[in-house]
PDB file of N, CA and C in Angstrom:
ATOM      1  N   MET A   1       5.120   2.626  20.847  1.00  0.00           N
ATOM      2  CA  MET A   1       4.830   4.045  20.830  1.00  0.00           C
ATOM      3  C   MET A   1       6.119   4.697  21.497  1.00  0.00           C
ATOM      4  N   PRO A   2       6.268   5.901  20.664  1.00  0.00           N
ATOM      5  CA  PRO A   2       7.513   6.683  21.094  1.00  0.00           C
ATOM      6  C   PRO A   2       7.489   7.067  22.500  1.00  0.00           C
ATOM      7  N   LEU A   3       6.347   7.481  23.015  1.00  0.00           N
ATOM      8  CA  LEU A   3       6.362   7.953  24.465  1.00  0.00           C
ATOM      9  C   LEU A   3       6.785   6.833  25.487  1.00  0.00           C
ATOM     10  N   HIS A   4       6.423   5.724  25.169  1.00  0.00           N
ATOM     11  CA  HIS A   4       6.786   4.554  25.861  1.00  0.00           C
ATOM     12  C   HIS A   4       8.289   4.259  25.872  1.00  0.00           C
ATOM     13  N   ARG A   5       9.036   4.483  24.744  1.00  0.00           N
ATOM     14  CA  ARG A   5      10.368   4.390  24.710  1.00  0.00           C
ATOM     15  C   ARG A   5      11.091   5.409  25.652  1.00  0.00           C
ATOM     16  N   ARG A   6      10.293   6.543  25.816  1.00  0.00           N
ATOM     17  CA  ARG A   6      10.992   7.648  26.628  1.00  0.00           C
ATOM     18  C   ARG A   6      10.636   7.472  28.048  1.00  0.00           C
ATOM     19  N   ALA A   7      10.090   6.409  28.604  1.00  0.00           N
ATOM     20  CA  ALA A   7       9.694   6.079  29.865  1.00  0.00           C
ATOM     21  C   ALA A   7       8.443   6.443  30.342  1.00  0.00           C
ATOM     22  N   TYR A   8       7.521   6.951  29.486  1.00  0.00           N
ATOM     23  CA  TYR A   8       6.221   7.091  29.822  1.00  0.00           C
ATOM     24  C   TYR A   8       5.242   6.042  29.556  1.00  0.00           C
ATOM     25  N   SER A   9       5.332   5.042  30.585  1.00  0.00           N
ATOM     26  CA  SER A   9       4.730   3.719  30.378  1.00  0.00           C
ATOM     27  C   SER A   9       3.180   3.778  30.562  1.00  0.00           C
ATOM     28  N   ARG A  10       2.653   4.784  31.157  1.00  0.00           N
ATOM     29  CA  ARG A  10       1.168   4.881  31.387  1.00  0.00           C
ATOM     30  C   ARG A  10       0.487   5.811  30.492  1.00  0.00           C
ATOM     31  N   VAL A  11       1.110   6.029  29.317  1.00  0.00           N
ATOM     32  CA  VAL A  11       0.630   6.869  28.305  1.00  0.00           C
ATOM     33  C   VAL A  11      -0.202   5.924  27.172  1.00  0.00           C
ATOM     34  N   THR A  12      -1.106   6.485  26.618  1.00  0.00           N
ATOM     35  CA  THR A  12      -1.924   5.850  25.502  1.00  0.00           C
ATOM     36  C   THR A  12      -2.520   6.856  24.699  1.00  0.00           C
ATOM     37  N   THR A  13      -3.083   6.284  23.660  1.00  0.00           N
ATOM     38  CA  THR A  13      -4.013   7.275  22.901  1.00  0.00           C
ATOM     39  C   THR A  13      -5.413   7.073  22.763  1.00  0.00           C
ATOM     40  N   ALA A  14      -6.126   7.998  22.296  1.00  0.00           N
ATOM     41  CA  ALA A  14      -7.445   7.842  22.385  1.00  0.00           C
ATOM     42  C   ALA A  14      -7.888   6.697  21.425  1.00  0.00           C
ATOM     43  N   LYS A  15      -7.117   6.639  20.329  1.00  0.00           N
ATOM     44  CA  LYS A  15      -7.186   5.666  19.221  1.00  0.00           C
ATOM     45  C   LYS A  15      -7.047   4.263  19.802  1.00  0.00           C
ATOM     46  N   ALA A  16      -6.189   4.305  20.785  1.00  0.00           N
ATOM     47  CA  ALA A  16      -5.924   2.729  21.506  1.00  0.00           C
ATOM     48  C   ALA A  16      -7.032   2.419  22.485  1.00  0.00           C
ATOM     49  N   CYS A  17      -7.486   3.475  23.180  1.00  0.00           N
ATOM     50  CA  CYS A  17      -8.632   3.219  24.206  1.00  0.00           C
ATOM     51  C   CYS A  17      -9.938   3.966  23.666  1.00  0.00           C
ATOM     52  N   ARG A  18     -10.775   3.072  23.349  1.00  0.00           N
ATOM     53  CA  ARG A  18     -11.886   3.561  22.698  1.00  0.00           C
ATOM     54  C   ARG A  18     -13.078   3.736  23.811  1.00  0.00           C
ATOM     55  N   ILE A  19     -12.883   3.385  24.923  1.00  0.00           N
ATOM     56  CA  ILE A  19     -13.994   3.413  25.941  1.00  0.00           C
ATOM     57  C   ILE A  19     -13.768   4.636  26.721  1.00  0.00           C
ATOM     58  N   PRO A  20     -14.488   5.719  26.633  1.00  0.00           N
ATOM     59  CA  PRO A  20     -14.392   6.900  27.605  1.00  0.00           C
ATOM     60  C   PRO A  20     -14.967   6.719  28.937  1.00  0.00           C
ATOM     61  N   CYS A  21     -14.003   6.404  29.913  1.00  0.00           N
ATOM     62  CA  CYS A  21     -14.472   6.145  31.211  1.00  0.00           C
ATOM     63  C   CYS A  21     -13.754   7.029  32.289  1.00  0.00           C
ATOM     64  N   CYS A  22     -13.392   8.373  31.994  1.00  0.00           N
ATOM     65  CA  CYS A  22     -12.753   9.170  32.911  1.00  0.00           C
ATOM     66  C   CYS A  22     -11.534   8.589  33.530  1.00  0.00           C
ATOM     67  N   GLN A  23     -10.726   7.887  32.844  1.00  0.00           N
ATOM     68  CA  GLN A  23      -9.614   7.314  33.349  1.00  0.00           C
ATOM     69  C   GLN A  23      -8.256   8.164  33.294  1.00  0.00           C
ATOM     70  N   TYR A  24      -8.122   9.260  32.694  1.00  0.00           N
ATOM     71  CA  TYR A  24      -6.870   9.828  32.463  1.00  0.00           C
ATOM     72  C   TYR A  24      -6.811  11.156  33.112  1.00  0.00           C
ATOM     73  N   ASP A  25      -5.597  11.524  33.536  1.00  0.00           N
ATOM     74  CA  ASP A  25      -5.375  12.859  34.354  1.00  0.00           C
ATOM     75  C   ASP A  25      -5.012  13.910  33.291  1.00  0.00           C
ATOM     76  N   VAL A  26      -4.493  13.625  32.086  1.00  0.00           N
ATOM     77  CA  VAL A  26      -3.972  14.613  31.242  1.00  0.00           C
ATOM     78  C   VAL A  26      -4.157  14.310  29.898  1.00  0.00           C
ATOM     79  N   ALA A  27      -4.578  15.265  28.833  1.00  0.00           N
ATOM     80  CA  ALA A  27      -4.663  14.883  27.566  1.00  0.00           C
ATOM     81  C   ALA A  27      -3.746  16.071  26.850  1.00  0.00           C
ATOM     82  N   PHE A  28      -2.904  15.648  26.011  1.00  0.00           N
ATOM     83  CA  PHE A  28      -2.118  16.373  25.270  1.00  0.00           C
ATOM     84  C   PHE A  28      -2.523  16.557  23.720  1.00  0.00           C
ATOM     85  N   ILE A  29      -2.942  17.541  23.231  1.00  0.00           N
ATOM     86  CA  ILE A  29      -3.220  17.671  21.841  1.00  0.00           C
ATOM     87  C   ILE A  29      -2.244  18.681  21.222  1.00  0.00           C
ATOM     88  N   ALA A  30      -1.654  18.243  20.001  1.00  0.00           N
ATOM     89  CA  ALA A  30      -0.810  19.039  19.319  1.00  0.00           C
ATOM     90  C   ALA A  30      -1.720  19.400  18.018  1.00  0.00           C
ATOM     91  N   TRP A  31      -2.351  20.538  17.652  1.00  0.00           N
ATOM     92  CA  TRP A  31      -3.133  20.799  16.674  1.00  0.00           C
ATOM     93  C   TRP A  31      -2.282  21.685  15.717  1.00  0.00           C
ATOM     94  N   ARG A  32      -2.212  21.094  14.515  1.00  0.00           N
ATOM     95  CA  ARG A  32      -1.305  21.724  13.562  1.00  0.00           C
ATOM     96  C   ARG A  32      -2.116  22.361  12.300  1.00  0.00           C
ATOM     97  N   GLU A  33      -3.106  21.372  11.730  1.00  0.00           N
ATOM     98  CA  GLU A  33      -3.409  21.783  10.420  1.00  0.00           C
ATOM     99  C   GLU A  33      -5.020  22.351  10.288  1.00  0.00           C
ATOM    100  N   HIS A  34      -5.722  22.367  11.318  1.00  0.00           N
ATOM    101  CA  HIS A  34      -7.198  22.591  11.239  1.00  0.00           C
ATOM    102  C   HIS A  34      -7.582  23.787  11.995  1.00  0.00           C
ATOM    103  N   SER A  35      -8.886  24.273  11.880  1.00  0.00           N
ATOM    104  CA  SER A  35      -9.221  25.476  12.398  1.00  0.00           C
ATOM    105  C   SER A  35      -9.527  24.985  14.113  1.00  0.00           C
ATOM    106  N   ILE A  36      -9.996  26.187  14.765  1.00  0.00           N
ATOM    107  CA  ILE A  36     -10.272  25.821  16.034  1.00  0.00           C
ATOM    108  C   ILE A  36     -11.650  25.097  16.205  1.00  0.00           C
ATOM    109  N   LYS A  37     -12.583  25.455  15.369  1.00  0.00           N
ATOM    110  CA  LYS A  37     -13.784  24.731  15.204  1.00  0.00           C
ATOM    111  C   LYS A  37     -13.630  23.203  15.008  1.00  0.00           C
ATOM    112  N   ALA A  38     -12.729  22.742  14.173  1.00  0.00           N
ATOM    113  CA  ALA A  38     -12.537  21.487  13.992  1.00  0.00           C
ATOM    114  C   ALA A  38     -11.681  20.810  15.095  1.00  0.00           C
ATOM    115  N   LEU A  39     -11.003  21.605  15.841  1.00  0.00           N
ATOM    116  CA  LEU A  39     -10.321  21.183  17.131  1.00  0.00           C
ATOM    117  C   LEU A  39     -11.450  20.842  18.296  1.00  0.00           C
ATOM    118  N   GLU A  40     -12.409  21.780  18.354  1.00  0.00           N
ATOM    119  CA  GLU A  40     -13.474  21.696  19.399  1.00  0.00           C
ATOM    120  C   GLU A  40     -14.265  20.253  18.900  1.00  0.00           C
ATOM    121  N   THR A  41     -14.619  19.990  17.819  1.00  0.00           N
ATOM    122  CA  THR A  41     -15.181  18.822  17.232  1.00  0.00           C
ATOM    123  C   THR A  41     -14.281  17.546  17.756  1.00  0.00           C
ATOM    124  N   THR A  42     -13.051  17.728  17.660  1.00  0.00           N
ATOM    125  CA  THR A  42     -12.202  16.576  18.057  1.00  0.00           C
ATOM    126  C   THR A  42     -12.186  16.430  19.579  1.00  0.00           C
ATOM    127  N   LEU A  43     -12.192  17.612  20.274  1.00  0.00           N
ATOM    128  CA  LEU A  43     -12.103  17.487  21.762  1.00  0.00           C
ATOM    129  C   LEU A  43     -13.408  16.919  22.390  1.00  0.00           C
ATOM    130  N   ASP A  44     -14.536  17.184  21.684  1.00  0.00           N
ATOM    131  CA  ASP A  44     -15.885  16.777  22.182  1.00  0.00           C
ATOM    132  C   ASP A  44     -15.820  15.205  22.834  1.00  0.00           C
ATOM    133  N   PRO A  45     -15.510  14.392  22.106  1.00  0.00           N
ATOM    134  CA  PRO A  45     -15.500  13.048  22.686  1.00  0.00           C
ATOM    135  C   PRO A  45     -14.362  12.761  23.348  1.00  0.00           C
ATOM    136  N   LEU A  46     -13.093  13.489  23.284  1.00  0.00           N
ATOM    137  CA  LEU A  46     -11.955  13.292  23.990  1.00  0.00           C
ATOM    138  C   LEU A  46     -12.184  13.699  25.481  1.00  0.00           C
ATOM    139  N   VAL A  47     -12.730  14.529  25.753  1.00  0.00           N
ATOM    140  CA  VAL A  47     -12.952  15.141  27.172  1.00  0.00           C
ATOM    141  C   VAL A  47     -13.592  13.963  28.069  1.00  0.00           C
ATOM    142  N   HIS A  48     -14.297  13.093  27.422  1.00  0.00           N
ATOM    143  CA  HIS A  48     -14.849  12.078  28.333  1.00  0.00           C
ATOM    144  C   HIS A  48     -13.841  11.059  28.863  1.00  0.00           C
ATOM    145  N   PHE A  49     -12.557  11.023  28.376  1.00  0.00           N
ATOM    146  CA  PHE A  49     -11.619  10.257  28.735  1.00  0.00           C
ATOM    147  C   PHE A  49     -10.899  10.785  29.952  1.00  0.00           C
ATOM    148  N   LEU A  50     -11.155  12.111  30.155  1.00  0.00           N
ATOM    149  CA  LEU A  50     -10.333  12.748  31.301  1.00  0.00           C
ATOM    150  C   LEU A  50     -11.280  12.559  32.589  1.00  0.00           C
ATOM    151  N   GLY A  51     -10.527  12.456  33.620  1.00  0.00           N
ATOM    152  CA  GLY A  51     -11.211  12.354  35.043  1.00  0.00           C
ATOM    153  C   GLY A  51     -11.774  13.739  35.443  1.00  0.00           C
ATOM    154  N   PRO A  52     -12.393  13.841  36.592  1.00  0.00           N
ATOM    155  CA  PRO A  52     -12.962  15.198  37.024  1.00  0.00           C
ATOM    156  C   PRO A  52     -12.072  16.099  37.024  1.00  0.00           C
ATOM    157  N   ALA A  53     -10.785  15.857  37.471  1.00  0.00           N
ATOM    158  CA  ALA A  53      -9.619  16.966  37.864  1.00  0.00           C
ATOM    159  C   ALA A  53      -8.913  16.808  36.604  1.00  0.00           C
ATOM    160  N   GLY A  54      -9.098  16.301  35.412  1.00  0.00           N
ATOM    161  CA  GLY A  54      -8.151  16.143  34.300  1.00  0.00           C
ATOM    162  C   GLY A  54      -7.864  17.651  33.677  1.00  0.00           C
ATOM    163  N   VAL A  55      -6.688  17.495  33.107  1.00  0.00           N
ATOM    164  CA  VAL A  55      -6.126  18.801  32.459  1.00  0.00           C
ATOM    165  C   VAL A  55      -5.973  18.624  31.001  1.00  0.00           C
ATOM    166  N   LEU A  56      -6.454  19.377  30.199  1.00  0.00           N
ATOM    167  CA  LEU A  56      -6.231  19.392  28.685  1.00  0.00           C
ATOM    168  C   LEU A  56      -4.863  20.333  28.447  1.00  0.00           C
ATOM    169  N   VAL A  57      -3.966  19.920  27.742  1.00  0.00           N
ATOM    170  CA  VAL A  57      -2.787  20.724  27.289  1.00  0.00           C
ATOM    171  C   VAL A  57      -2.877  20.648  25.782  1.00  0.00           C
ATOM    172  N   ILE A  58      -3.103  21.918  25.115  1.00  0.00           N
ATOM    173  CA  ILE A  58      -3.409  22.129  23.734  1.00  0.00           C
ATOM    174  C   ILE A  58      -2.299  22.925  23.228  1.00  0.00           C
ATOM    175  N   TRP A  59      -1.696  22.413  22.192  1.00  0.00           N
ATOM    176  CA  TRP A  59      -0.643  23.313  21.358  1.00  0.00           C
ATOM    177  C   TRP A  59      -1.384  23.570  19.982  1.00  0.00           C
ATOM    178  N   VAL A  60      -1.569  24.914  19.705  1.00  0.00           N
ATOM    179  CA  VAL A  60      -2.144  25.322  18.557  1.00  0.00           C
ATOM    180  C   VAL A  60      -1.061  25.919  17.722  1.00  0.00           C
ATOM    181  N   GLY A  61      -0.700  25.468  16.521  1.00  0.00           N
ATOM    182  CA  GLY A  61       0.516  25.968  15.736  1.00  0.00           C
ATOM    183  C   GLY A  61       0.258  27.255  15.158  1.00  0.00           C
ATOM    184  N   PRO A  62       1.222  27.906  14.604  1.00  0.00           N
ATOM    185  CA  PRO A  62       1.181  29.320  14.189  1.00  0.00           C
ATOM    186  C   PRO A  62       0.234  29.601  12.880  1.00  0.00           C
ATOM    187  N   HIS A  63      -0.469  28.419  12.361  1.00  0.00           N
ATOM    188  CA  HIS A  63      -1.280  28.596  11.176  1.00  0.00           C
ATOM    189  C   HIS A  63      -2.495  29.360  11.641  1.00  0.00           C
ATOM    190  N   GLU A  64      -2.910  29.353  12.752  1.00  0.00           N
ATOM    191  CA  GLU A  64      -4.244  29.686  13.205  1.00  0.00           C
ATOM    192  C   GLU A  64      -4.000  31.285  13.577  1.00  0.00           C
ATOM    193  N   ARG A  65      -4.843  32.234  13.208  1.00  0.00           N
ATOM    194  CA  ARG A  65      -4.574  33.540  13.507  1.00  0.00           C
ATOM    195  C   ARG A  65      -5.476  33.779  14.734  1.00  0.00           C
ATOM    196  N   THR A  66      -4.874  34.661  15.680  1.00  0.00           N
ATOM    197  CA  THR A  66      -5.511  35.071  17.084  1.00  0.00           C
ATOM    198  C   THR A  66      -6.353  33.927  17.558  1.00  0.00           C
ATOM    199  N   PRO A  67      -5.627  32.748  17.958  1.00  0.00           N
ATOM    200  CA  PRO A  67      -6.352  31.605  18.381  1.00  0.00           C
ATOM    201  C   PRO A  67      -6.665  31.802  19.893  1.00  0.00           C
ATOM    202  N   ASN A  68      -6.210  32.604  20.685  1.00  0.00           N
ATOM    203  CA  ASN A  68      -6.550  32.783  22.082  1.00  0.00           C
ATOM    204  C   ASN A  68      -7.996  32.801  22.356  1.00  0.00           C
ATOM    205  N   GLN A  69      -8.729  33.744  21.801  1.00  0.00           N
ATOM    206  CA  GLN A  69     -10.309  33.980  22.107  1.00  0.00           C
ATOM    207  C   GLN A  69     -10.935  32.662  21.514  1.00  0.00           C
ATOM    208  N   LYS A  70     -10.736  32.448  20.263  1.00  0.00           N
ATOM    209  CA  LYS A  70     -11.330  31.315  19.697  1.00  0.00           C
ATOM    210  C   LYS A  70     -11.198  29.978  20.573  1.00  0.00           C
ATOM    211  N   LEU A  71     -10.076  29.822  21.031  1.00  0.00           N
ATOM    212  CA  LEU A  71      -9.803  28.560  21.839  1.00  0.00           C
ATOM    213  C   LEU A  71     -10.477  28.612  23.119  1.00  0.00           C
ATOM    214  N   ARG A  72     -10.299  29.921  23.877  1.00  0.00           N
ATOM    215  CA  ARG A  72     -11.122  30.032  25.040  1.00  0.00           C
ATOM    216  C   ARG A  72     -12.679  29.930  24.866  1.00  0.00           C
ATOM    217  N   LEU A  73     -13.165  30.168  23.974  1.00  0.00           N
ATOM    218  CA  LEU A  73     -14.636  30.145  23.618  1.00  0.00           C
ATOM    219  C   LEU A  73     -14.927  28.568  23.534  1.00  0.00           C
ATOM    220  N   ALA A  74     -14.141  27.956  22.552  1.00  0.00           N
ATOM    221  CA  ALA A  74     -14.472  26.583  22.222  1.00  0.00           C
ATOM    222  C   ALA A  74     -14.242  25.768  23.600  1.00  0.00           C
ATOM    223  N   LEU A  75     -13.268  25.982  24.281  1.00  0.00           N
ATOM    224  CA  LEU A  75     -13.028  25.158  25.502  1.00  0.00           C
ATOM    225  C   LEU A  75     -14.174  25.486  26.585  1.00  0.00           C
ATOM    226  N   GLY A  76     -14.599  26.654  26.664  1.00  0.00           N
ATOM    227  CA  GLY A  76     -15.748  27.194  27.329  1.00  0.00           C
ATOM    228  C   GLY A  76     -17.043  26.243  27.121  1.00  0.00           C
ATOM    229  N   ARG A  77     -17.235  26.217  25.833  1.00  0.00           N
ATOM    230  CA  ARG A  77     -18.399  25.407  25.416  1.00  0.00           C
ATOM    231  C   ARG A  77     -18.229  23.770  26.028  1.00  0.00           C
ATOM    232  N   LEU A  78     -17.111  23.234  26.032  1.00  0.00           N
ATOM    233  CA  LEU A  78     -16.785  21.991  26.454  1.00  0.00           C
ATOM    234  C   LEU A  78     -16.896  21.864  27.922  1.00  0.00           C
ATOM    235  N   GLY A  79     -16.810  22.984  28.697  1.00  0.00           N
ATOM    236  CA  GLY A  79     -16.960  22.781  30.203  1.00  0.00           C
ATOM    237  C   GLY A  79     -15.558  23.305  30.669  1.00  0.00           C
ATOM    238  N   PHE A  80     -14.604  23.853  29.998  1.00  0.00           N
ATOM    239  CA  PHE A  80     -13.237  23.802  30.361  1.00  0.00           C
ATOM    240  C   PHE A  80     -12.889  25.459  30.506  1.00  0.00           C
ATOM    241  N   ARG A  81     -11.907  25.740  31.375  1.00  0.00           N
ATOM    242  CA  ARG A  81     -11.411  27.065  31.517  1.00  0.00           C
ATOM    243  C   ARG A  81      -9.946  27.040  31.589  1.00  0.00           C
ATOM    244  N   ILE A  82      -9.330  27.956  30.596  1.00  0.00           N
ATOM    245  CA  ILE A  82      -7.809  28.000  30.594  1.00  0.00           C
ATOM    246  C   ILE A  82      -7.236  28.617  31.982  1.00  0.00           C
ATOM    247  N   GLU A  83      -6.338  27.672  32.369  1.00  0.00           N
ATOM    248  CA  GLU A  83      -5.744  28.094  33.550  1.00  0.00           C
ATOM    249  C   GLU A  83      -4.134  28.739  33.349  1.00  0.00           C
ATOM    250  N   ALA A  84      -3.592  28.310  32.267  1.00  0.00           N
ATOM    251  CA  ALA A  84      -2.202  28.913  31.990  1.00  0.00           C
ATOM    252  C   ALA A  84      -2.011  28.718  30.546  1.00  0.00           C
ATOM    253  N   GLY A  85      -1.264  29.693  30.061  1.00  0.00           N
ATOM    254  CA  GLY A  85      -0.904  29.625  28.563  1.00  0.00           C
ATOM    255  C   GLY A  85       0.227  30.351  28.257  1.00  0.00           C
ATOM    256  N   THR A  86       1.037  30.144  27.128  1.00  0.00           N
ATOM    257  CA  THR A  86       1.954  30.869  26.598  1.00  0.00           C
ATOM    258  C   THR A  86       2.043  30.970  25.028  1.00  0.00           C
ATOM    259  N   THR A  87       2.602  31.969  24.611  1.00  0.00           N
ATOM    260  CA  THR A  87       2.602  32.214  23.098  1.00  0.00           C
ATOM    261  C   THR A  87       3.970  32.340  22.682  1.00  0.00           C
ATOM    262  N   CYS A  88       4.448  31.809  21.472  1.00  0.00           N
ATOM    263  CA  CYS A  88       5.787  31.913  20.894  1.00  0.00           C
ATOM    264  C   CYS A  88       5.585  31.737  19.530  1.00  0.00           C
ATOM    265  N   GLU A  89       6.706  31.858  18.706  1.00  0.00           N
ATOM    266  CA  GLU A  89       6.626  31.848  17.334  1.00  0.00           C
ATOM    267  C   GLU A  89       6.223  30.680  16.764  1.00  0.00           C
ATOM    268  N   LYS A  90       6.243  29.592  17.597  1.00  0.00           N
ATOM    269  CA  LYS A  90       5.717  28.252  17.011  1.00  0.00           C
ATOM    270  C   LYS A  90       4.324  28.076  17.344  1.00  0.00           C
ATOM    271  N   GLY A  91       3.604  28.837  17.963  1.00  0.00           N
ATOM    272  CA  GLY A  91       2.206  28.799  18.380  1.00  0.00           C
ATOM    273  C   GLY A  91       1.866  29.163  19.614  1.00  0.00           C
ATOM    274  N   VAL A  92       0.719  28.723  20.169  1.00  0.00           N
ATOM    275  CA  VAL A  92       0.068  28.945  21.445  1.00  0.00           C
ATOM    276  C   VAL A  92       0.001  27.502  22.149  1.00  0.00           C
ATOM    277  N   VAL A  93       0.260  27.628  23.441  1.00  0.00           N
ATOM    278  CA  VAL A  93      -0.017  26.457  24.355  1.00  0.00           C
ATOM    279  C   VAL A  93      -0.770  26.922  25.637  1.00  0.00           C
ATOM    280  N   VAL A  94      -1.823  26.246  25.848  1.00  0.00           N
ATOM    281  CA  VAL A  94      -2.617  26.287  26.934  1.00  0.00           C
ATOM    282  C   VAL A  94      -2.844  25.108  27.742  1.00  0.00           C
ATOM    283  N   ALA A  95      -2.972  25.395  29.046  1.00  0.00           N
ATOM    284  CA  ALA A  95      -3.595  24.259  30.135  1.00  0.00           C
ATOM    285  C   ALA A  95      -4.968  24.660  30.493  1.00  0.00           C
ATOM    286  N   ALA A  96      -5.791  23.773  30.236  1.00  0.00           N
ATOM    287  CA  ALA A  96      -7.321  23.960  30.771  1.00  0.00           C
ATOM    288  C   ALA A  96      -7.793  22.707  31.663  1.00  0.00           C
ATOM    289  N   ARG A  97      -8.570  23.130  32.572  1.00  0.00           N
ATOM    290  CA  ARG A  97      -9.286  22.476  33.451  1.00  0.00           C
ATOM    291  C   ARG A  97     -10.800  22.519  33.485  1.00  0.00           C
ATOM    292  N   ARG A  98     -11.345  21.448  33.829  1.00  0.00           N
ATOM    293  CA  ARG A  98     -12.948  21.629  33.937  1.00  0.00           C
ATOM    294  C   ARG A  98     -13.415  22.808  34.934  1.00  0.00           C
ATOM    295  N   ILE A  99     -14.352  23.409  34.388  1.00  0.00           N
ATOM    296  CA  ILE A  99     -14.843  24.678  35.292  1.00  0.00           C
ATOM    297  C   ILE A  99     -15.241  24.180  36.596  1.00  0.00           C
ATOM    298  N   GLU A 100     -15.952  23.133  36.810  1.00  0.00           N
ATOM    299  CA  GLU A 100     -16.503  22.592  37.978  1.00  0.00           C
ATOM    300  C   GLU A 100     -15.210  21.964  38.949  1.00  0.00           C
ATOM    301  N   ALA A 101     -14.110  21.694  38.356  1.00  0.00           N
ATOM    302  CA  ALA A 101     -13.069  21.206  39.059  1.00  0.00           C
ATOM    303  C   ALA A 101     -11.995  22.314  39.407  1.00  0.00           C
ATOM    304  N   SER A 102     -12.271  23.568  38.870  1.00  0.00           N
ATOM    305  CA  SER A 102     -11.370  24.752  39.177  1.00  0.00           C
ATOM    306  C   SER A 102     -11.430  25.164  40.454  1.00  0.00           C
ATOM    307  N   PRO A 103     -10.356  25.574  41.125  1.00  0.00           N
ATOM    308  CA  PRO A 103     -10.316  26.052  42.487  1.00  0.00           C
ATOM    309  C   PRO A 103     -11.120  27.307  42.475  1.00  0.00           C
ATOM    310  N   PHE A 104     -10.978  28.038  41.277  1.00  0.00           N
ATOM    311  CA  PHE A 104     -11.627  29.261  41.320  1.00  0.00           C
ATOM    312  C   PHE A 104     -13.268  29.332  41.339  1.00  0.00           C
ATOM    313  N   SER A 105     -13.665  28.190  40.859  1.00  0.00           N
ATOM    314  CA  SER A 105     -15.327  28.083  40.791  1.00  0.00           C
ATOM    315  C   SER A 105     -15.843  27.769  42.117  1.00  0.00           C
ATOM    316  N   GLN A 106     -15.227  27.375  43.126  1.00  0.00           N
ATOM    317  CA  GLN A 106     -15.376  26.801  44.435  1.00  0.00           C
ATOM    318  C   GLN A 106     -16.170  28.082  45.175  1.00  0.00           C
ATOM    319  N   ALA A 107     -17.285  27.952  45.820  1.00  0.00           N
ATOM    320  CA  ALA A 107     -17.733  29.075  46.623  1.00  0.00           C
ATOM    321  C   ALA A 107     -16.941  29.141  47.914  1.00  0.00           C
ATOM    322  N   ALA A 108     -16.701  30.555  48.287  1.00  0.00           N
ATOM    323  CA  ALA A 108     -15.897  30.841  49.497  1.00  0.00           C
ATOM    324  C   ALA A 108     -16.827  30.678  50.795  1.00  0.00           C
TER     325      ALA A 108
END
């Protein structure tokens, strides 16, 4: 795997690990070709691989017009909230965490 050659020894893919058991801290998704709705369908089983404090990092290519609101809504339906993000000419990147694991959702 290319990431293993770059010293990321504890990296795998959902394809290589088919049992969703909350074992990963981060999931990185590079979304190039499909709609946000198709991304949501892909994320639905993937989020079960993330631990309770797991973070989704999603890059959406420039093909998708105005991805921010659509992405925010899709992640919200999956129980995630965007915590950080940036936009550039090559797309949008966001980091999202489970709503119940977010420090902002804790009662004071």
